[in-house]
Amino acid sequence: MPHEAVFRITSDRAPVIYKALLPELADEVNPRSVTVCELESDRVLLLRVSAKDIPALRAALNMALRLVNVSDEVSGLV
């Protein structure tokens, strides 16, 4: 896929966010984009989004970053 965005997100809650994202990303079926989430360390979450075109990249980024944000907010409430 020719377009890619990579984010390294540093948070004390990185493992919790990672666990929250896994089921969502495992069910993702989109022929135009691929989202990969990895835990680089106890505090660093790696989010890599690849897409065939810019509109697909934007849509996949919106979804992935929204999931990260919601997961972080909810884990902060617990």
N, C-alpha and C. Protein backbone atom coordinates (compact mmCIF):
# COMPACT_ATOMS: atom_id res chain seq x y z
N MET A 1 0.85 -1.17 0.00
CA MET A 1 0.00 0.00 0.00
C MET A 1 0.90 1.24 0.00
N PRO A 2 0.62 2.16 -0.88
CA PRO A 2 1.56 3.28 -1.07
C PRO A 2 1.52 4.38 -0.01
N HIS A 3 0.47 4.50 0.76
CA HIS A 3 0.36 5.58 1.74
C HIS A 3 0.39 4.99 3.14
N GLU A 4 1.18 5.63 4.04
CA GLU A 4 1.30 5.08 5.38
C GLU A 4 1.50 6.21 6.39
N ALA A 5 0.93 6.02 7.58
CA ALA A 5 1.13 6.92 8.71
C ALA A 5 1.50 6.06 9.91
N VAL A 6 2.51 6.51 10.66
CA VAL A 6 2.97 5.77 11.83
C VAL A 6 2.94 6.70 13.03
N PHE A 7 2.33 6.23 14.11
CA PHE A 7 2.27 7.01 15.35
C PHE A 7 2.90 6.20 16.47
N ARG A 8 3.72 6.84 17.27
CA ARG A 8 4.22 6.25 18.51
C ARG A 8 3.58 7.06 19.63
N ILE A 9 2.70 6.40 20.36
CA ILE A 9 1.92 7.07 21.40
C ILE A 9 2.48 6.66 22.75
N THR A 10 2.93 7.65 23.50
CA THR A 10 3.49 7.39 24.82
C THR A 10 2.43 7.66 25.88
N SER A 11 2.19 6.64 26.71
CA SER A 11 1.18 6.75 27.76
C SER A 11 1.46 5.71 28.83
N ASP A 12 1.17 6.06 30.07
CA ASP A 12 1.28 5.08 31.15
C ASP A 12 0.25 3.97 30.97
N ARG A 13 -0.79 4.25 30.19
CA ARG A 13 -1.86 3.27 29.96
C ARG A 13 -1.73 2.55 28.63
N ALA A 14 -0.55 2.56 28.02
CA ALA A 14 -0.33 1.94 26.71
C ALA A 14 -0.78 0.47 26.68
N PRO A 15 -0.45 -0.36 27.69
CA PRO A 15 -0.90 -1.76 27.63
C PRO A 15 -2.43 -1.90 27.66
N VAL A 16 -3.09 -1.05 28.41
CA VAL A 16 -4.56 -1.09 28.50
C VAL A 16 -5.17 -0.67 27.16
N ILE A 17 -4.64 0.37 26.57
CA ILE A 17 -5.14 0.85 25.27
C ILE A 17 -4.92 -0.24 24.21
N TYR A 18 -3.75 -0.85 24.24
CA TYR A 18 -3.42 -1.92 23.29
C TYR A 18 -4.43 -3.06 23.39
N LYS A 19 -4.72 -3.51 24.59
CA LYS A 19 -5.67 -4.60 24.79
C LYS A 19 -7.08 -4.21 24.33
N ALA A 20 -7.43 -2.95 24.50
CA ALA A 20 -8.75 -2.48 24.07
C ALA A 20 -8.85 -2.42 22.54
N LEU A 21 -7.75 -2.11 21.87
CA LEU A 21 -7.78 -1.97 20.42
C LEU A 21 -7.75 -3.31 19.68
N LEU A 22 -7.12 -4.32 20.26
CA LEU A 22 -6.95 -5.59 19.56
C LEU A 22 -8.24 -6.19 19.00
N PRO A 23 -9.31 -6.31 19.78
CA PRO A 23 -10.54 -6.89 19.21
C PRO A 23 -11.13 -6.05 18.08
N GLU A 24 -11.03 -4.74 18.21
CA GLU A 24 -11.58 -3.86 17.17
C GLU A 24 -10.81 -4.01 15.87
N LEU A 25 -9.49 -4.06 15.96
CA LEU A 25 -8.67 -4.16 14.76
C LEU A 25 -8.70 -5.55 14.15
N ALA A 26 -8.92 -6.57 14.98
CA ALA A 26 -9.00 -7.94 14.47
C ALA A 26 -10.24 -8.14 13.60
N ASP A 27 -11.31 -7.43 13.91
CA ASP A 27 -12.56 -7.55 13.16
C ASP A 27 -12.61 -6.63 11.94
N GLU A 28 -11.62 -5.79 11.79
CA GLU A 28 -11.61 -4.82 10.70
C GLU A 28 -11.45 -5.52 9.35
N VAL A 29 -12.37 -5.24 8.46
CA VAL A 29 -12.30 -5.79 7.10
C VAL A 29 -12.47 -4.61 6.14
N ASN A 30 -11.35 -4.16 5.62
CA ASN A 30 -11.39 -3.05 4.69
C ASN A 30 -10.35 -3.33 3.59
N PRO A 31 -10.79 -3.50 2.36
CA PRO A 31 -9.84 -3.81 1.29
C PRO A 31 -8.91 -2.66 0.92
N ARG A 32 -9.22 -1.45 1.39
CA ARG A 32 -8.43 -0.28 1.02
C ARG A 32 -7.42 0.13 2.07
N SER A 33 -7.49 -0.43 3.30
CA SER A 33 -6.54 -0.02 4.34
C SER A 33 -6.26 -1.16 5.31
N VAL A 34 -5.13 -1.03 5.99
CA VAL A 34 -4.71 -1.99 7.01
C VAL A 34 -4.20 -1.21 8.20
N THR A 35 -4.66 -1.57 9.39
CA THR A 35 -4.21 -0.92 10.62
C THR A 35 -3.56 -1.97 11.51
N VAL A 36 -2.34 -1.66 11.96
CA VAL A 36 -1.59 -2.56 12.82
C VAL A 36 -1.25 -1.81 14.10
N CYS A 37 -1.45 -2.49 15.23
CA CYS A 37 -1.16 -1.92 16.53
C CYS A 37 -0.19 -2.86 17.25
N GLU A 38 0.88 -2.31 17.79
CA GLU A 38 1.87 -3.09 18.52
C GLU A 38 2.23 -2.36 19.81
N LEU A 39 2.63 -3.11 20.79
CA LEU A 39 3.11 -2.55 22.04
C LEU A 39 4.63 -2.58 21.99
N GLU A 40 5.27 -1.41 21.81
CA GLU A 40 6.72 -1.34 21.72
C GLU A 40 7.39 -1.51 23.07
N SER A 41 6.76 -0.96 24.11
CA SER A 41 7.27 -1.07 25.47
C SER A 41 6.10 -0.87 26.42
N ASP A 42 6.37 -0.83 27.71
CA ASP A 42 5.30 -0.64 28.69
C ASP A 42 4.63 0.72 28.57
N ARG A 43 5.26 1.66 27.87
CA ARG A 43 4.71 3.00 27.77
C ARG A 43 4.51 3.48 26.33
N VAL A 44 4.88 2.65 25.34
CA VAL A 44 4.82 3.12 23.95
C VAL A 44 3.97 2.17 23.10
N LEU A 45 2.95 2.75 22.48
CA LEU A 45 2.06 2.04 21.58
C LEU A 45 2.40 2.48 20.15
N LEU A 46 2.61 1.53 19.27
CA LEU A 46 2.90 1.82 17.87
C LEU A 46 1.64 1.57 17.05
N LEU A 47 1.22 2.57 16.32
CA LEU A 47 0.03 2.46 15.47
C LEU A 47 0.46 2.76 14.04
N ARG A 48 0.30 1.77 13.14
CA ARG A 48 0.69 1.92 11.75
C ARG A 48 -0.55 1.72 10.87
N VAL A 49 -0.84 2.72 10.05
CA VAL A 49 -2.00 2.66 9.16
C VAL A 49 -1.50 2.80 7.73
N SER A 50 -1.85 1.83 6.89
CA SER A 50 -1.48 1.85 5.47
C SER A 50 -2.76 1.83 4.65
N ALA A 51 -2.72 2.53 3.51
CA ALA A 51 -3.91 2.57 2.66
C ALA A 51 -3.52 2.73 1.20
N LYS A 52 -4.45 2.32 0.34
CA LYS A 52 -4.22 2.41 -1.11
C LYS A 52 -4.32 3.84 -1.62
N ASP A 53 -5.11 4.68 -0.95
CA ASP A 53 -5.30 6.05 -1.40
C ASP A 53 -5.47 6.97 -0.19
N ILE A 54 -5.36 8.26 -0.42
CA ILE A 54 -5.42 9.24 0.66
C ILE A 54 -6.78 9.25 1.38
N PRO A 55 -7.90 9.22 0.68
CA PRO A 55 -9.18 9.19 1.41
C PRO A 55 -9.31 7.97 2.32
N ALA A 56 -8.84 6.83 1.87
CA ALA A 56 -8.89 5.62 2.71
C ALA A 56 -7.96 5.76 3.91
N LEU A 57 -6.80 6.39 3.72
CA LEU A 57 -5.88 6.62 4.83
C LEU A 57 -6.51 7.54 5.87
N ARG A 58 -7.14 8.61 5.41
CA ARG A 58 -7.79 9.55 6.32
C ARG A 58 -8.89 8.87 7.12
N ALA A 59 -9.71 8.08 6.45
CA ALA A 59 -10.81 7.39 7.14
C ALA A 59 -10.27 6.39 8.16
N ALA A 60 -9.24 5.63 7.79
CA ALA A 60 -8.67 4.65 8.72
C ALA A 60 -8.00 5.34 9.90
N LEU A 61 -7.33 6.46 9.65
CA LEU A 61 -6.70 7.21 10.74
C LEU A 61 -7.75 7.77 11.69
N ASN A 62 -8.81 8.32 11.15
CA ASN A 62 -9.89 8.84 12.00
C ASN A 62 -10.42 7.75 12.92
N MET A 63 -10.65 6.57 12.38
CA MET A 63 -11.18 5.48 13.18
C MET A 63 -10.17 5.02 14.23
N ALA A 64 -8.93 4.80 13.83
CA ALA A 64 -7.92 4.29 14.75
C ALA A 64 -7.60 5.29 15.86
N LEU A 65 -7.43 6.54 15.52
CA LEU A 65 -7.10 7.54 16.53
C LEU A 65 -8.29 7.81 17.47
N ARG A 66 -9.50 7.72 16.94
CA ARG A 66 -10.68 7.85 17.79
C ARG A 66 -10.73 6.70 18.80
N LEU A 67 -10.42 5.48 18.36
CA LEU A 67 -10.40 4.33 19.26
C LEU A 67 -9.33 4.50 20.35
N VAL A 68 -8.17 4.99 19.96
CA VAL A 68 -7.11 5.24 20.95
C VAL A 68 -7.58 6.27 21.97
N ASN A 69 -8.17 7.34 21.50
CA ASN A 69 -8.63 8.40 22.39
C ASN A 69 -9.71 7.90 23.35
N VAL A 70 -10.69 7.21 22.84
CA VAL A 70 -11.77 6.69 23.69
C VAL A 70 -11.23 5.68 24.69
N SER A 71 -10.35 4.80 24.25
CA SER A 71 -9.76 3.81 25.15
C SER A 71 -8.98 4.48 26.28
N ASP A 72 -8.24 5.52 25.94
CA ASP A 72 -7.48 6.25 26.95
C ASP A 72 -8.39 6.94 27.95
N GLU A 73 -9.43 7.59 27.45
CA GLU A 73 -10.38 8.29 28.32
C GLU A 73 -11.10 7.32 29.26
N VAL A 74 -11.55 6.20 28.73
CA VAL A 74 -12.29 5.23 29.54
C VAL A 74 -11.37 4.59 30.57
N SER A 75 -10.15 4.25 30.18
CA SER A 75 -9.23 3.64 31.15
C SER A 75 -8.86 4.62 32.25
N GLY A 76 -8.92 5.91 31.96
CA GLY A 76 -8.67 6.92 32.99
C GLY A 76 -9.80 7.04 33.99
N LEU A 77 -10.99 6.61 33.63
CA LEU A 77 -12.13 6.67 34.53
C LEU A 77 -12.17 5.49 35.51
N VAL A 78 -11.54 4.39 35.09
CA VAL A 78 -11.60 3.17 35.91
C VAL A 78 -10.66 3.27 37.08
